[in-house]
C-alpha cells in the first residue's frame, strides 16, 4: 500500500469514529442551513441539467430536498449509476420522483446496475458530489477506496462546457487543522458548502 492510500485509510477511520458520534439533531440543524444555501447559490439556481448523489450515510447532508426541488422547478435530474462491472460510473437521467423512488441505491449513493434504457449525460450544468472530508484547499476524501468520481470528473473537463462541481458538508467534515492526502490527478469541487463556511475553490 502506498503512502497516500495508507494515510487515506487512517483518515477514513478517524472520520468514521467522529461522524458516528454526531447527534441527529445537530445533523438536522446543519442540513437545513446547507440546503438553504444550495437553493440560494448562483451555482444552483440558474442551472438546468443537474446531477445529484443520493444521500445514504447517517451523518451527511441529505439531498432529498434537492431532488424534490429539481423536479418541482422543471430542471432535469441525473444521478450516478454503476456500469455493469461496477468499475466506473455514468450519470443517467431520472425521469420523475416515482422513478427515483423505484431505484435500487447502494450504501454509497450509486444506482445499482439496471437494464432500463436511460439517457446517459453528455452535458451537465452542475454535479453535486458527496465526500467524507475536505480540507481548506478543497481536497476531498471519498467514503470508500474505490472512488469513481475522480475519473468521471476528469472526463467532464474535456467537454466543451464542463459542469460546475458543488460539495455539501457537515461542519465537522471540513478539516481546519490537517490536509486530506491526495494524488496529483484528484479533482476538486468549485464550491464546498457547510453551515458555518463556504469554501470557493475557483
Protein backbone atom coordinates (compact mmCIF):
# COMPACT_ATOMS: atom_id res chain seq x y z
CA UNK A 1 0.00 0.00 0.00
CA UNK A 2 1.44 3.38 -0.98
CA UNK A 3 1.75 6.25 1.50
CA UNK A 4 -1.21 8.30 0.23
CA UNK A 5 -3.54 5.30 0.32
CA UNK A 6 -2.38 4.39 3.82
CA UNK A 7 -3.00 7.95 5.04
CA UNK A 8 -6.46 7.87 3.50
CA UNK A 9 -7.29 4.63 5.32
CA UNK A 10 -6.23 6.20 8.61
CA UNK A 11 -8.20 9.40 7.99
CA UNK A 12 -11.33 7.47 6.97
CA UNK A 13 -11.18 5.55 10.25
CA UNK A 14 -10.83 8.81 12.21
CA UNK A 15 -13.71 10.41 10.31
CA UNK A 16 -15.93 7.37 10.72
CA UNK A 17 -15.50 7.49 14.50
CA UNK A 18 -16.19 11.23 14.54
CA UNK A 19 -19.26 11.09 12.30
CA UNK A 20 -20.77 8.20 14.25
CA UNK A 21 -20.70 10.43 17.34
CA UNK A 22 -22.67 13.37 15.92
CA UNK A 23 -26.18 13.72 17.33
CA UNK A 24 -29.09 13.57 14.88
CA UNK A 25 -30.43 16.97 15.96
CA UNK A 26 -27.11 18.62 15.03
CA UNK A 27 -27.16 16.93 11.62
CA UNK A 28 -30.72 18.12 11.02
CA UNK A 29 -29.88 21.71 12.01
CA UNK A 30 -26.82 21.86 9.78
CA UNK A 31 -28.70 20.16 6.95
CA UNK A 32 -31.39 22.85 6.97
CA UNK A 33 -28.81 25.64 6.67
CA UNK A 34 -26.79 23.94 3.92
CA UNK A 35 -29.84 23.13 1.78
CA UNK A 36 -30.99 26.75 2.06
CA UNK A 37 -27.54 27.82 0.84
CA UNK A 38 -27.79 25.45 -2.11
CA UNK A 39 -31.13 26.91 -3.20
CA UNK A 40 -29.74 30.45 -2.92
CA UNK A 41 -26.49 29.68 -4.73
CA UNK A 42 -25.70 31.03 -8.19
CA UNK A 43 -24.12 27.66 -8.85
CA UNK A 44 -27.54 26.02 -8.45
CA UNK A 45 -30.41 28.42 -9.17
CA UNK A 46 -29.90 29.05 -12.90
CA UNK A 47 -28.70 25.55 -13.73
CA UNK A 48 -30.92 23.21 -15.75
CA UNK A 49 -29.17 19.83 -16.03
CA UNK A 50 -28.19 18.79 -12.50
CA UNK A 51 -26.63 15.56 -11.29
CA UNK A 52 -27.02 14.77 -7.60
CA UNK A 53 -25.97 11.85 -5.45
CA UNK A 54 -28.49 10.04 -3.23
CA UNK A 55 -27.50 10.52 0.42
CA UNK A 56 -27.19 7.20 2.25
CA UNK A 57 -24.82 7.89 5.14
CA UNK A 58 -26.20 8.60 8.62
CA UNK A 59 -24.03 11.68 9.09
CA UNK A 60 -24.07 13.64 5.85
CA UNK A 61 -26.11 16.36 4.21
CA UNK A 62 -29.34 14.90 2.85
CA UNK A 63 -30.02 15.51 -0.84
CA UNK A 64 -33.71 14.56 -0.77
CA UNK A 65 -34.91 18.20 -0.70
CA UNK A 66 -32.65 18.98 -3.65
CA UNK A 67 -34.07 16.07 -5.65
CA UNK A 68 -37.61 17.26 -4.92
CA UNK A 69 -36.67 20.82 -5.92
CA UNK A 70 -35.13 19.71 -9.21
CA UNK A 71 -38.42 18.13 -10.26
CA UNK A 72 -40.63 20.90 -8.88
CA UNK A 73 -38.63 23.57 -10.78
CA UNK A 74 -38.70 21.68 -14.06
CA UNK A 75 -34.95 21.05 -14.05
CA UNK A 76 -33.50 17.81 -15.45
CA UNK A 77 -32.30 15.29 -12.88
CA UNK A 78 -29.36 12.93 -13.27
CA UNK A 79 -27.88 10.50 -10.76
CA UNK A 80 -24.70 8.39 -10.73
CA UNK A 81 -25.10 4.74 -11.80
CA UNK A 82 -22.55 1.95 -11.74
CA UNK A 83 -21.70 0.25 -15.00
CA UNK A 84 -22.39 -3.48 -15.12
CA UNK A 85 -18.92 -4.37 -13.82
CA UNK A 86 -19.08 -1.77 -11.02
CA UNK A 87 -15.76 -0.36 -12.21
CA UNK A 88 -16.93 3.11 -13.22
CA UNK A 89 -19.97 5.38 -13.08
CA UNK A 90 -22.10 7.23 -15.58
CA UNK A 91 -24.71 9.89 -14.95
CA UNK A 92 -28.18 8.85 -16.06
CA UNK A 93 -31.48 10.68 -16.38
CA UNK A 94 -34.11 10.14 -13.69
CA UNK A 95 -37.48 10.87 -15.24
CA UNK A 96 -39.71 11.50 -12.22
CA UNK A 97 -39.99 11.23 -8.45
CA UNK A 98 -41.71 7.88 -8.96
CA UNK A 99 -38.69 6.75 -10.98
CA UNK A 100 -36.42 7.95 -8.16
CA UNK A 101 -38.42 6.06 -5.52
CA UNK A 102 -38.10 2.84 -7.53
CA UNK A 103 -34.30 2.89 -7.74
CA UNK A 104 -32.02 0.41 -6.03
CA UNK A 105 -29.28 2.50 -4.39
CA UNK A 106 -26.13 1.12 -2.77
CA UNK A 107 -24.61 2.33 0.51
CA UNK A 108 -22.52 4.98 -1.24
CA UNK A 109 -25.40 6.61 -3.12
CA UNK A 110 -24.89 4.98 -6.53
CA UNK A 111 -27.68 3.39 -8.53
CA UNK A 112 -27.14 -0.32 -8.85
CA UNK A 113 -26.67 -1.52 -12.45
CA UNK A 114 -30.07 -1.85 -14.10
CA UNK A 115 -31.42 -2.75 -17.53
CA UNK A 116 -33.58 0.32 -18.01
CA UNK A 117 -32.98 2.40 -21.11
CA UNK A 118 -31.83 5.71 -19.68
CA UNK A 119 -30.35 8.80 -21.24
CA UNK A 120 -26.67 8.99 -20.34
CA UNK A 121 -25.47 12.54 -19.73
CA UNK A 122 -23.18 14.03 -22.35
CA UNK A 123 -23.63 17.53 -20.95
CA UNK A 124 -24.33 18.68 -17.40
CA UNK A 125 -24.51 22.12 -15.80
CA UNK A 126 -23.85 21.08 -12.20
CA UNK A 127 -22.73 17.94 -10.37
CA UNK A 128 -23.35 17.74 -6.62
CA UNK A 129 -20.92 15.27 -5.08
CA UNK A 130 -20.58 13.53 -1.70
CA UNK A 131 -17.46 13.35 0.41
CA UNK A 132 -16.32 12.10 3.80
CA UNK A 133 -13.97 15.02 4.49
CA UNK A 134 -12.50 18.14 2.87
CA UNK A 135 -9.58 20.37 3.72
CA UNK A 136 -9.45 24.14 3.34
CA UNK A 137 -7.79 23.81 -0.09
CA UNK A 138 -10.76 21.81 -1.38
CA UNK A 139 -9.14 18.39 -1.38
CA UNK A 140 -11.70 15.64 -0.87
CA UNK A 141 -11.69 12.29 0.94
CA UNK A 142 -14.12 9.77 -0.57
CA UNK A 143 -16.18 7.36 1.53
CA UNK A 144 -14.55 4.26 0.09
CA UNK A 145 -11.27 3.34 -1.54
CA UNK A 146 -12.94 2.56 -4.87
CA UNK A 147 -13.51 6.20 -5.79
CA UNK A 148 -15.22 6.57 -9.19
CA UNK A 149 -15.88 10.32 -9.12
CA UNK A 150 -12.32 11.42 -9.90
CA UNK A 151 -12.24 9.56 -13.19
CA UNK A 152 -15.68 10.85 -14.18
CA UNK A 153 -14.98 14.48 -13.22
CA UNK A 154 -11.69 14.38 -15.12
CA UNK A 155 -13.57 13.27 -18.25
CA UNK A 156 -16.03 16.14 -17.78
CA UNK A 157 -13.16 18.61 -18.07
CA UNK A 158 -12.82 17.53 -21.71
CA UNK A 159 -16.38 18.68 -22.53
CA UNK A 160 -16.89 21.97 -24.38
CA UNK A 161 -18.65 23.39 -21.31
CA UNK A 162 -17.51 21.45 -18.23
CA UNK A 163 -20.06 21.34 -15.39
CA UNK A 164 -19.57 23.15 -12.12
CA UNK A 165 -18.92 20.93 -9.11
CA UNK A 166 -20.55 21.51 -5.71
CA UNK A 167 -19.85 19.62 -2.49
CA UNK A 168 -22.02 19.58 0.63
CA UNK A 169 -20.57 19.01 4.09
CA UNK A 170 -21.30 18.97 7.77
CA UNK A 171 -19.06 21.42 9.62
CA UNK A 172 -17.04 18.59 11.13
CA UNK A 173 -16.28 17.22 7.68
CA UNK A 174 -14.20 20.31 6.88
CA UNK A 175 -10.73 19.79 8.35
CA UNK A 176 -9.29 23.01 9.67
CA UNK A 177 -6.03 21.69 11.09
CA UNK A 178 -4.96 18.98 8.65
CA UNK A 179 -4.84 18.17 4.95
CA UNK A 180 -6.61 15.43 3.02
CA UNK A 181 -3.98 13.17 1.41
CA UNK A 182 -4.37 13.23 -2.38
CA UNK A 183 -2.75 12.06 -5.57
CA UNK A 184 -1.91 14.54 -8.30
CA UNK A 185 -4.88 13.63 -10.53
CA UNK A 186 -7.66 14.11 -7.98
CA UNK A 187 -10.43 16.59 -8.78
CA UNK A 188 -11.61 19.43 -6.54
CA UNK A 189 -15.11 20.91 -6.34
CA UNK A 190 -15.68 24.52 -7.33
CA UNK A 191 -17.56 25.19 -4.10
CA UNK A 192 -17.96 23.47 -0.73
CA UNK A 193 -20.96 24.46 1.39
CA UNK A 194 -21.32 23.85 5.12
CA UNK A 195 -23.48 25.61 7.68
CA UNK A 196 -20.56 27.66 9.05
CA UNK A 197 -18.50 28.42 5.96
CA UNK A 198 -18.38 28.35 2.19
CA UNK A 199 -15.11 27.42 0.50
CA UNK A 200 -14.83 28.69 -3.05
CA UNK A 201 -12.05 26.95 -4.90
CA UNK A 202 -12.39 28.61 -8.31
